[in-house]
Amino acid sequence: MRRFVERFEHFTYIVLIIFLIVLLSFTLLELGWLVVGGLIDESTFRLDSQDLFDLLGYFLLVLIGLELLETIKAYLDRREFHVEIIILVAIIAIARKVILLGTAPVEELVGIALIIIALCGGYYLVRRAGMPHSPLPDDGVPSPAGREEP
């Protein structure tokens, strides 16, 4: 039974990767279409501000998709989730929300600000926890070549 569940899980991840690749391909085509259409358009400004926001939204959406693809790939290869990558995807997603937000009530802006602070704090802690600690002398200044002076 366990082997069946593992195979089903693996199959599901493969299908998710295929769907994500198809979705990213169409999003990339749409982004290209918007860029080319904006450059060909005969107007004073090639792209107005709303068009630029749309382009940036598609660009960030492609980045989010690529990061999700990397997360799924890492899980299939090593059976581990990279928390750092997941937090980065969340930060990119909230940045996309802020960029495309426009006008919003104060409560929503405060909530988004708290989410950004929490995600950045979590990212900092995850990065700090993963960093190797180097020995420092008592004065807090690293000595040359990693050796302590007498």
Protein backbone atom coordinates (compact mmCIF):
# COMPACT_ATOMS: atom_id res chain seq x y z
CA MET A 1 0.00 0.00 0.00
CA ARG A 2 2.83 2.40 0.88
CA ARG A 3 4.49 1.80 -2.50
CA PHE A 4 1.22 2.60 -4.28
CA VAL A 5 0.86 5.87 -2.38
CA GLU A 6 4.47 6.83 -3.19
CA ARG A 7 3.94 6.08 -6.88
CA PHE A 8 0.71 8.05 -6.89
CA GLU A 9 2.46 10.98 -5.18
CA HIS A 10 5.29 10.86 -7.73
CA PHE A 11 2.79 10.70 -10.61
CA THR A 12 0.90 13.68 -9.17
CA TYR A 13 4.08 15.74 -8.96
CA ILE A 14 4.94 14.86 -12.57
CA VAL A 15 1.46 15.93 -13.71
CA LEU A 16 1.81 19.18 -11.73
CA ILE A 17 5.15 19.86 -13.41
CA ILE A 18 3.60 19.28 -16.85
CA PHE A 19 0.66 21.58 -16.07
CA LEU A 20 3.00 24.22 -14.68
CA ILE A 21 5.18 24.06 -17.80
CA VAL A 22 2.10 24.48 -20.03
CA LEU A 23 0.85 27.37 -17.88
CA LEU A 24 4.26 29.06 -17.89
CA SER A 25 4.53 28.64 -21.66
CA PHE A 26 1.19 30.36 -22.25
CA THR A 27 2.01 33.09 -19.74
CA LEU A 28 5.35 33.67 -21.45
CA LEU A 29 3.62 33.86 -24.85
CA GLU A 30 1.10 36.33 -23.44
CA LEU A 31 3.93 38.42 -21.99
CA GLY A 32 5.72 38.41 -25.35
CA TRP A 33 2.50 39.32 -27.14
CA LEU A 34 1.93 42.28 -24.81
CA VAL A 35 5.52 43.53 -25.22
CA VAL A 36 5.46 43.26 -29.02
CA GLY A 37 1.98 44.78 -29.19
CA GLY A 38 3.04 47.67 -26.98
CA LEU A 39 6.10 48.37 -29.08
CA ILE A 40 4.23 48.23 -32.40
CA ASP A 41 1.34 50.40 -31.19
CA GLU A 42 1.28 53.82 -32.86
CA SER A 43 0.84 56.23 -29.97
CA THR A 44 2.78 58.94 -28.20
CA PHE A 45 3.83 56.56 -25.46
CA ARG A 46 4.46 52.98 -26.50
CA LEU A 47 3.14 51.62 -23.22
CA ASP A 48 0.92 53.48 -20.79
CA SER A 49 1.18 52.89 -17.05
CA GLN A 50 -1.55 50.23 -16.98
CA ASP A 51 0.20 48.28 -19.74
CA LEU A 52 3.46 48.45 -17.79
CA PHE A 53 1.71 47.15 -14.67
CA ASP A 54 0.24 44.30 -16.72
CA LEU A 55 3.67 43.45 -18.15
CA LEU A 56 5.27 43.50 -14.72
CA GLY A 57 2.46 41.34 -13.37
CA TYR A 58 3.02 38.73 -16.09
CA PHE A 59 6.78 38.90 -15.54
CA LEU A 60 6.41 38.27 -11.80
CA LEU A 61 3.90 35.51 -12.52
CA VAL A 62 6.49 33.74 -14.68
CA LEU A 63 9.07 34.13 -11.88
CA ILE A 64 6.64 32.65 -9.35
CA GLY A 65 5.96 29.73 -11.67
CA LEU A 66 9.67 29.08 -12.19
CA GLU A 67 10.30 29.11 -8.44
CA LEU A 68 7.41 26.69 -7.89
CA LEU A 69 8.82 24.47 -10.62
CA GLU A 70 12.19 24.51 -8.88
CA THR A 71 10.54 23.60 -5.57
CA ILE A 72 8.73 20.62 -7.08
CA LYS A 73 11.91 19.50 -8.87
CA ALA A 74 13.91 19.69 -5.63
CA TYR A 75 11.27 17.65 -3.85
CA LEU A 76 11.30 14.95 -6.53
CA ASP A 77 15.12 14.80 -6.56
CA ARG A 78 15.87 14.92 -2.85
CA ARG A 79 12.50 14.46 -1.12
CA GLU A 80 12.93 17.75 0.73
CA PHE A 81 11.24 21.11 0.55
CA HIS A 82 13.43 24.17 0.47
CA VAL A 83 11.77 26.54 2.90
CA GLU A 84 13.92 29.39 1.60
CA ILE A 85 12.55 28.99 -1.93
CA ILE A 86 8.98 28.76 -0.68
CA ILE A 87 9.39 31.98 1.33
CA LEU A 88 10.90 33.68 -1.74
CA VAL A 89 7.90 32.60 -3.82
CA ALA A 90 5.61 34.11 -1.18
CA ILE A 91 7.62 37.35 -1.16
CA ILE A 92 7.45 37.58 -4.97
CA ALA A 93 3.71 36.87 -4.87
CA ILE A 94 3.05 39.57 -2.29
CA ALA A 95 5.26 41.99 -4.24
CA ARG A 96 3.15 41.23 -7.32
CA LYS A 97 0.02 41.95 -5.27
CA VAL A 98 1.43 45.28 -4.07
CA ILE A 99 2.48 46.32 -7.58
CA LEU A 100 -0.91 45.49 -9.08
CA LEU A 101 -2.92 46.75 -6.09
CA GLY A 102 -3.85 50.27 -7.12
CA THR A 103 -6.06 51.76 -4.43
CA ALA A 104 -6.96 49.77 -1.33
CA PRO A 105 -8.41 50.39 2.11
CA VAL A 106 -5.98 51.06 4.95
CA GLU A 107 -6.78 47.76 6.65
CA GLU A 108 -5.70 45.82 3.57
CA LEU A 109 -2.48 47.82 3.29
CA VAL A 110 -1.65 47.21 6.96
CA GLY A 111 -2.30 43.50 6.50
CA ILE A 112 -0.03 43.36 3.46
CA ALA A 113 2.68 45.27 5.33
CA LEU A 114 2.50 42.79 8.22
CA ILE A 115 2.73 39.87 5.79
CA ILE A 116 5.80 41.43 4.15
CA ILE A 117 7.46 41.98 7.53
CA ALA A 118 6.70 38.41 8.61
CA LEU A 119 7.98 36.90 5.36
CA CYS A 120 11.17 38.96 5.36
CA GLY A 121 11.77 38.11 9.01
CA GLY A 122 11.21 34.44 8.30
CA TYR A 123 13.53 34.58 5.31
CA TYR A 124 16.22 36.26 7.43
CA LEU A 125 15.90 33.60 10.14
CA VAL A 126 16.01 30.72 7.64
CA ARG A 127 19.08 32.19 5.94
CA ARG A 128 20.78 32.82 9.26
CA ALA A 129 20.04 29.32 10.52
CA GLY A 130 21.59 27.82 7.39
CA MET A 131 24.78 29.87 7.50
CA PRO A 132 27.90 28.16 8.81
CA HIS A 133 29.29 29.74 11.95
CA SER A 134 32.91 30.83 11.83
CA PRO A 135 34.94 30.98 15.02
CA LEU A 136 35.76 34.52 16.10
CA PRO A 137 38.39 35.61 18.60
CA ASP A 138 37.30 37.25 21.85
CA ASP A 139 37.44 40.76 20.39
CA GLY A 140 34.91 39.83 17.67
CA VAL A 141 37.28 40.59 14.80
CA PRO A 142 38.30 37.61 12.65
CA SER A 143 42.01 37.03 12.56
CA PRO A 144 43.96 36.55 9.30
CA ALA A 145 43.84 33.08 7.76
CA GLY A 146 41.32 31.97 10.40
CA ARG A 147 44.02 31.71 13.11
CA GLU A 148 43.75 33.35 16.47
CA GLU A 149 46.59 35.60 17.55
CA PRO A 150 48.33 34.91 20.92
